[in-house]
Amino acid sequence: MTDRVAQFTEFRQRMNERILSEDNQVVRRFFALDTQTYKDGALDHKTKELLGLVASMVLRCDDCISYHIAQCQQAGVSREEFFETFSVALVVGGSIVIPHLRRGVDFLDQISAQGEV
């Protein structure tokens, strides 16, 4: 796993565990809501992750973009599907999304090269 992918994955896991170790029901419930939201329903998991990726790009959250790219790859999203999704984010968010697109594609390339998340 590349350094960036490994660092992101390790930090996210460590901090999620740390945050959830606190006795705060609001935080725990929000994390649970997030988990439940991406499960199969009327929309399948893959579609929901692609929606999350678009929203993350438009909101310009690099951590969220990386997370959803990793989840999308695990859900079987093809390179063509990624780039169609990126195009939706660009149309919705405009040129301000381009720097986040660059970092997102770099993250996707690193994950794809390793075949891991």
N, C-alpha and C. Protein backbone atom coordinates (compact mmCIF):
# COMPACT_ATOMS: atom_id res chain seq x y z
N MET A 1 0.85 -1.17 0.00
CA MET A 1 0.00 0.00 0.00
C MET A 1 0.90 1.24 0.00
N THR A 2 0.55 2.24 -0.79
CA THR A 2 1.36 3.45 -0.85
C THR A 2 1.27 4.19 0.47
N ASP A 3 2.24 5.06 0.70
CA ASP A 3 2.27 5.82 1.95
C ASP A 3 0.99 6.61 2.17
N ARG A 4 0.52 7.30 1.14
CA ARG A 4 -0.67 8.14 1.30
C ARG A 4 -1.89 7.29 1.64
N VAL A 5 -2.06 6.19 0.93
CA VAL A 5 -3.20 5.32 1.19
C VAL A 5 -3.08 4.70 2.58
N ALA A 6 -1.91 4.22 2.92
CA ALA A 6 -1.69 3.60 4.23
C ALA A 6 -1.90 4.61 5.36
N GLN A 7 -1.36 5.81 5.20
CA GLN A 7 -1.51 6.83 6.23
C GLN A 7 -2.97 7.22 6.40
N PHE A 8 -3.68 7.40 5.30
CA PHE A 8 -5.09 7.76 5.37
C PHE A 8 -5.89 6.67 6.08
N THR A 9 -5.68 5.43 5.67
CA THR A 9 -6.42 4.31 6.23
C THR A 9 -6.13 4.14 7.72
N GLU A 10 -4.87 4.19 8.09
CA GLU A 10 -4.48 4.02 9.49
C GLU A 10 -5.02 5.15 10.36
N PHE A 11 -4.86 6.39 9.91
CA PHE A 11 -5.32 7.54 10.68
C PHE A 11 -6.84 7.49 10.87
N ARG A 12 -7.56 7.22 9.80
CA ARG A 12 -9.02 7.17 9.87
C ARG A 12 -9.48 6.10 10.86
N GLN A 13 -8.91 4.92 10.76
CA GLN A 13 -9.29 3.83 11.66
C GLN A 13 -8.95 4.16 13.11
N ARG A 14 -7.74 4.66 13.33
CA ARG A 14 -7.31 4.98 14.69
C ARG A 14 -8.18 6.07 15.30
N MET A 15 -8.46 7.11 14.56
CA MET A 15 -9.24 8.21 15.10
C MET A 15 -10.72 7.84 15.27
N ASN A 16 -11.26 7.04 14.37
CA ASN A 16 -12.64 6.58 14.56
C ASN A 16 -12.76 5.78 15.84
N GLU A 17 -11.80 4.88 16.08
CA GLU A 17 -11.81 4.11 17.32
C GLU A 17 -11.70 5.03 18.53
N ARG A 18 -10.83 6.01 18.45
CA ARG A 18 -10.64 6.96 19.55
C ARG A 18 -11.92 7.75 19.82
N ILE A 19 -12.52 8.27 18.78
CA ILE A 19 -13.73 9.07 18.91
C ILE A 19 -14.87 8.23 19.48
N LEU A 20 -15.02 7.02 18.97
CA LEU A 20 -16.11 6.16 19.43
C LEU A 20 -15.88 5.59 20.83
N SER A 21 -14.66 5.73 21.35
CA SER A 21 -14.39 5.27 22.72
C SER A 21 -14.96 6.24 23.76
N GLU A 22 -15.30 7.44 23.33
CA GLU A 22 -15.89 8.42 24.24
C GLU A 22 -17.36 8.07 24.49
N ASP A 23 -17.85 8.46 25.63
CA ASP A 23 -19.23 8.19 26.01
C ASP A 23 -20.13 9.33 25.51
N ASN A 24 -20.33 9.40 24.19
CA ASN A 24 -21.14 10.45 23.61
C ASN A 24 -22.11 9.82 22.62
N GLN A 25 -23.36 9.77 23.00
CA GLN A 25 -24.37 9.10 22.18
C GLN A 25 -24.65 9.83 20.86
N VAL A 26 -24.53 11.14 20.84
CA VAL A 26 -24.77 11.89 19.60
C VAL A 26 -23.75 11.49 18.55
N VAL A 27 -22.49 11.45 18.93
CA VAL A 27 -21.43 11.06 17.99
C VAL A 27 -21.65 9.62 17.54
N ARG A 28 -21.90 8.73 18.48
CA ARG A 28 -22.11 7.32 18.13
C ARG A 28 -23.30 7.14 17.19
N ARG A 29 -24.37 7.86 17.47
CA ARG A 29 -25.56 7.75 16.63
C ARG A 29 -25.31 8.31 15.23
N PHE A 30 -24.55 9.38 15.14
CA PHE A 30 -24.24 9.93 13.82
C PHE A 30 -23.40 8.94 13.02
N PHE A 31 -22.38 8.34 13.65
CA PHE A 31 -21.56 7.34 12.96
C PHE A 31 -22.43 6.17 12.51
N ALA A 32 -23.35 5.73 13.36
CA ALA A 32 -24.25 4.62 13.01
C ALA A 32 -25.18 5.01 11.86
N LEU A 33 -25.67 6.24 11.88
CA LEU A 33 -26.52 6.73 10.80
C LEU A 33 -25.76 6.72 9.48
N ASP A 34 -24.53 7.17 9.51
CA ASP A 34 -23.70 7.18 8.31
C ASP A 34 -23.54 5.75 7.77
N THR A 35 -23.26 4.81 8.65
CA THR A 35 -23.09 3.41 8.24
C THR A 35 -24.39 2.88 7.64
N GLN A 36 -25.51 3.14 8.27
CA GLN A 36 -26.80 2.65 7.79
C GLN A 36 -27.17 3.27 6.45
N THR A 37 -26.83 4.51 6.25
CA THR A 37 -27.20 5.23 5.03
C THR A 37 -26.65 4.56 3.77
N TYR A 38 -25.46 4.01 3.86
CA TYR A 38 -24.80 3.46 2.67
C TYR A 38 -25.10 1.99 2.42
N LYS A 39 -25.98 1.39 3.22
CA LYS A 39 -26.39 0.00 2.99
C LYS A 39 -27.37 -0.06 1.82
N ASP A 40 -27.46 -1.23 1.20
CA ASP A 40 -28.41 -1.44 0.11
C ASP A 40 -29.83 -1.12 0.57
N GLY A 41 -30.56 -0.47 -0.29
CA GLY A 41 -31.97 -0.15 -0.06
C GLY A 41 -32.59 0.00 -1.44
N ALA A 42 -33.42 1.01 -1.61
CA ALA A 42 -33.96 1.29 -2.95
C ALA A 42 -32.81 1.58 -3.91
N LEU A 43 -31.76 2.21 -3.39
CA LEU A 43 -30.51 2.39 -4.14
C LEU A 43 -29.50 1.41 -3.59
N ASP A 44 -28.70 0.83 -4.47
CA ASP A 44 -27.69 -0.11 -3.99
C ASP A 44 -26.49 0.62 -3.40
N HIS A 45 -25.68 -0.11 -2.67
CA HIS A 45 -24.50 0.43 -1.98
C HIS A 45 -23.58 1.18 -2.95
N LYS A 46 -23.33 0.58 -4.09
CA LYS A 46 -22.43 1.19 -5.09
C LYS A 46 -22.95 2.57 -5.51
N THR A 47 -24.22 2.66 -5.81
CA THR A 47 -24.81 3.94 -6.23
C THR A 47 -24.70 4.98 -5.12
N LYS A 48 -24.98 4.55 -3.89
CA LYS A 48 -24.90 5.48 -2.76
C LYS A 48 -23.48 5.98 -2.56
N GLU A 49 -22.49 5.12 -2.74
CA GLU A 49 -21.09 5.57 -2.60
C GLU A 49 -20.73 6.56 -3.70
N LEU A 50 -21.23 6.33 -4.91
CA LEU A 50 -20.98 7.29 -6.00
C LEU A 50 -21.63 8.63 -5.69
N LEU A 51 -22.84 8.61 -5.11
CA LEU A 51 -23.48 9.86 -4.69
C LEU A 51 -22.66 10.55 -3.61
N GLY A 52 -22.16 9.76 -2.66
CA GLY A 52 -21.30 10.32 -1.61
C GLY A 52 -20.04 10.94 -2.18
N LEU A 53 -19.49 10.31 -3.22
CA LEU A 53 -18.29 10.85 -3.86
C LEU A 53 -18.59 12.19 -4.53
N VAL A 54 -19.69 12.29 -5.24
CA VAL A 54 -20.06 13.57 -5.86
C VAL A 54 -20.24 14.64 -4.80
N ALA A 55 -21.00 14.33 -3.76
CA ALA A 55 -21.24 15.32 -2.71
C ALA A 55 -19.93 15.75 -2.06
N SER A 56 -19.04 14.81 -1.82
CA SER A 56 -17.75 15.12 -1.18
C SER A 56 -16.90 16.02 -2.07
N MET A 57 -16.94 15.76 -3.38
CA MET A 57 -16.16 16.61 -4.29
C MET A 57 -16.74 18.01 -4.34
N VAL A 58 -18.06 18.12 -4.41
CA VAL A 58 -18.70 19.44 -4.47
C VAL A 58 -18.46 20.21 -3.16
N LEU A 59 -18.46 19.49 -2.05
CA LEU A 59 -18.19 20.12 -0.75
C LEU A 59 -16.70 20.32 -0.48
N ARG A 60 -15.88 19.77 -1.35
CA ARG A 60 -14.41 19.94 -1.34
C ARG A 60 -13.77 19.39 -0.05
N CYS A 61 -14.17 18.18 0.31
CA CYS A 61 -13.61 17.51 1.49
C CYS A 61 -12.68 16.39 1.02
N ASP A 62 -11.38 16.64 1.04
CA ASP A 62 -10.43 15.65 0.53
C ASP A 62 -10.47 14.33 1.29
N ASP A 63 -10.64 14.36 2.61
CA ASP A 63 -10.76 13.11 3.37
C ASP A 63 -11.98 12.33 2.92
N CYS A 64 -13.10 13.02 2.74
CA CYS A 64 -14.33 12.35 2.31
C CYS A 64 -14.17 11.80 0.89
N ILE A 65 -13.53 12.55 0.02
CA ILE A 65 -13.28 12.09 -1.34
C ILE A 65 -12.46 10.81 -1.31
N SER A 66 -11.38 10.80 -0.55
CA SER A 66 -10.53 9.60 -0.45
C SER A 66 -11.33 8.43 0.09
N TYR A 67 -12.12 8.66 1.13
CA TYR A 67 -12.93 7.60 1.73
C TYR A 67 -13.89 7.02 0.69
N HIS A 68 -14.61 7.88 -0.01
CA HIS A 68 -15.59 7.39 -0.97
C HIS A 68 -14.94 6.74 -2.18
N ILE A 69 -13.77 7.21 -2.58
CA ILE A 69 -13.05 6.53 -3.66
C ILE A 69 -12.70 5.11 -3.23
N ALA A 70 -12.21 4.97 -2.01
CA ALA A 70 -11.86 3.63 -1.50
C ALA A 70 -13.10 2.75 -1.41
N GLN A 71 -14.21 3.29 -0.91
CA GLN A 71 -15.44 2.52 -0.80
C GLN A 71 -15.99 2.16 -2.18
N CYS A 72 -15.91 3.09 -3.11
CA CYS A 72 -16.37 2.83 -4.47
C CYS A 72 -15.55 1.72 -5.11
N GLN A 73 -14.24 1.76 -4.92
CA GLN A 73 -13.41 0.72 -5.51
C GLN A 73 -13.78 -0.64 -4.92
N GLN A 74 -13.99 -0.70 -3.61
CA GLN A 74 -14.39 -1.95 -2.99
C GLN A 74 -15.76 -2.41 -3.50
N ALA A 75 -16.62 -1.48 -3.88
CA ALA A 75 -17.95 -1.81 -4.38
C ALA A 75 -17.93 -2.20 -5.86
N GLY A 76 -16.74 -2.14 -6.48
CA GLY A 76 -16.61 -2.58 -7.86
C GLY A 76 -16.81 -1.51 -8.91
N VAL A 77 -16.66 -0.25 -8.53
CA VAL A 77 -16.80 0.84 -9.49
C VAL A 77 -15.65 0.78 -10.49
N SER A 78 -16.00 0.85 -11.76
CA SER A 78 -14.98 0.81 -12.83
C SER A 78 -14.36 2.19 -13.02
N ARG A 79 -13.24 2.23 -13.71
CA ARG A 79 -12.58 3.50 -14.00
C ARG A 79 -13.52 4.42 -14.78
N GLU A 80 -14.25 3.87 -15.74
CA GLU A 80 -15.18 4.66 -16.53
C GLU A 80 -16.28 5.24 -15.64
N GLU A 81 -16.77 4.45 -14.69
CA GLU A 81 -17.79 4.95 -13.77
C GLU A 81 -17.24 6.04 -12.88
N PHE A 82 -15.98 5.87 -12.43
CA PHE A 82 -15.35 6.93 -11.62
C PHE A 82 -15.33 8.23 -12.41
N PHE A 83 -14.87 8.18 -13.66
CA PHE A 83 -14.71 9.42 -14.41
C PHE A 83 -16.04 10.03 -14.82
N GLU A 84 -17.07 9.24 -15.01
CA GLU A 84 -18.40 9.82 -15.23
C GLU A 84 -18.89 10.51 -13.95
N THR A 85 -18.59 9.90 -12.82
CA THR A 85 -18.95 10.50 -11.53
C THR A 85 -18.19 11.80 -11.31
N PHE A 86 -16.90 11.79 -11.63
CA PHE A 86 -16.09 13.02 -11.52
C PHE A 86 -16.67 14.11 -12.41
N SER A 87 -17.15 13.74 -13.60
CA SER A 87 -17.70 14.76 -14.50
C SER A 87 -18.97 15.37 -13.92
N VAL A 88 -19.80 14.57 -13.24
CA VAL A 88 -20.99 15.11 -12.59
C VAL A 88 -20.57 16.11 -11.51
N ALA A 89 -19.57 15.73 -10.72
CA ALA A 89 -19.10 16.63 -9.65
C ALA A 89 -18.58 17.94 -10.23
N LEU A 90 -17.87 17.87 -11.35
CA LEU A 90 -17.36 19.09 -11.97
C LEU A 90 -18.49 19.98 -12.48
N VAL A 91 -19.49 19.39 -13.10
CA VAL A 91 -20.61 20.18 -13.61
C VAL A 91 -21.37 20.82 -12.46
N VAL A 92 -21.59 20.07 -11.39
CA VAL A 92 -22.34 20.59 -10.24
C VAL A 92 -21.52 21.62 -9.47
N GLY A 93 -20.24 21.30 -9.24
CA GLY A 93 -19.41 22.15 -8.38
C GLY A 93 -18.61 23.22 -9.08
N GLY A 94 -18.38 23.06 -10.37
CA GLY A 94 -17.60 24.05 -11.11
C GLY A 94 -16.10 23.85 -10.99
N SER A 95 -15.37 24.81 -11.49
CA SER A 95 -13.91 24.68 -11.58
C SER A 95 -13.22 24.61 -10.22
N ILE A 96 -13.87 25.05 -9.16
CA ILE A 96 -13.28 24.98 -7.81
C ILE A 96 -13.05 23.52 -7.40
N VAL A 97 -13.73 22.60 -8.05
CA VAL A 97 -13.59 21.17 -7.77
C VAL A 97 -12.29 20.60 -8.35
N ILE A 98 -11.71 21.25 -9.35
CA ILE A 98 -10.55 20.70 -10.07
C ILE A 98 -9.38 20.32 -9.15
N PRO A 99 -8.95 21.14 -8.18
CA PRO A 99 -7.85 20.70 -7.31
C PRO A 99 -8.19 19.43 -6.53
N HIS A 100 -9.45 19.28 -6.14
CA HIS A 100 -9.88 18.09 -5.40
C HIS A 100 -9.98 16.89 -6.34
N LEU A 101 -10.34 17.15 -7.58
CA LEU A 101 -10.33 16.09 -8.60
C LEU A 101 -8.91 15.56 -8.79
N ARG A 102 -7.93 16.47 -8.86
CA ARG A 102 -6.53 16.05 -9.02
C ARG A 102 -6.11 15.12 -7.88
N ARG A 103 -6.38 15.54 -6.65
CA ARG A 103 -5.99 14.71 -5.50
C ARG A 103 -6.78 13.41 -5.46
N GLY A 104 -8.05 13.48 -5.85
CA GLY A 104 -8.87 12.27 -5.89
C GLY A 104 -8.38 11.27 -6.91
N VAL A 105 -8.03 11.73 -8.10
CA VAL A 105 -7.51 10.83 -9.14
C VAL A 105 -6.17 10.27 -8.72
N ASP A 106 -5.35 11.07 -8.07
CA ASP A 106 -4.07 10.57 -7.56
C ASP A 106 -4.31 9.45 -6.54
N PHE A 107 -5.25 9.65 -5.64
CA PHE A 107 -5.59 8.63 -4.64
C PHE A 107 -6.11 7.37 -5.33
N LEU A 108 -7.01 7.54 -6.31
CA LEU A 108 -7.54 6.41 -7.06
C LEU A 108 -6.41 5.65 -7.77
N ASP A 109 -5.49 6.39 -8.38
CA ASP A 109 -4.36 5.73 -9.06
C ASP A 109 -3.52 4.92 -8.08
N GLN A 110 -3.29 5.47 -6.90
CA GLN A 110 -2.49 4.76 -5.91
C GLN A 110 -3.19 3.51 -5.40
N ILE A 111 -4.48 3.60 -5.15
CA ILE A 111 -5.24 2.42 -4.72
C ILE A 111 -5.29 1.39 -5.83
N SER A 112 -5.54 1.84 -7.03
CA SER A 112 -5.65 0.93 -8.17
C SER A 112 -4.34 0.20 -8.44
N ALA A 113 -3.23 0.92 -8.27
CA ALA A 113 -1.92 0.31 -8.51
C ALA A 113 -1.63 -0.80 -7.50
N GLN A 114 -2.17 -0.66 -6.31
CA GLN A 114 -1.95 -1.64 -5.26
C GLN A 114 -3.03 -2.71 -5.21
N GLY A 115 -4.19 -2.38 -5.75
CA GLY A 115 -5.31 -3.30 -5.67
C GLY A 115 -5.79 -3.49 -4.23
N GLU A 116 -5.55 -2.47 -3.38
CA GLU A 116 -5.88 -2.56 -1.96
C GLU A 116 -6.59 -1.30 -1.51
N VAL A 117 -7.21 -1.43 -0.36
CA VAL A 117 -7.73 -0.27 0.37
C VAL A 117 -7.48 -0.51 1.82
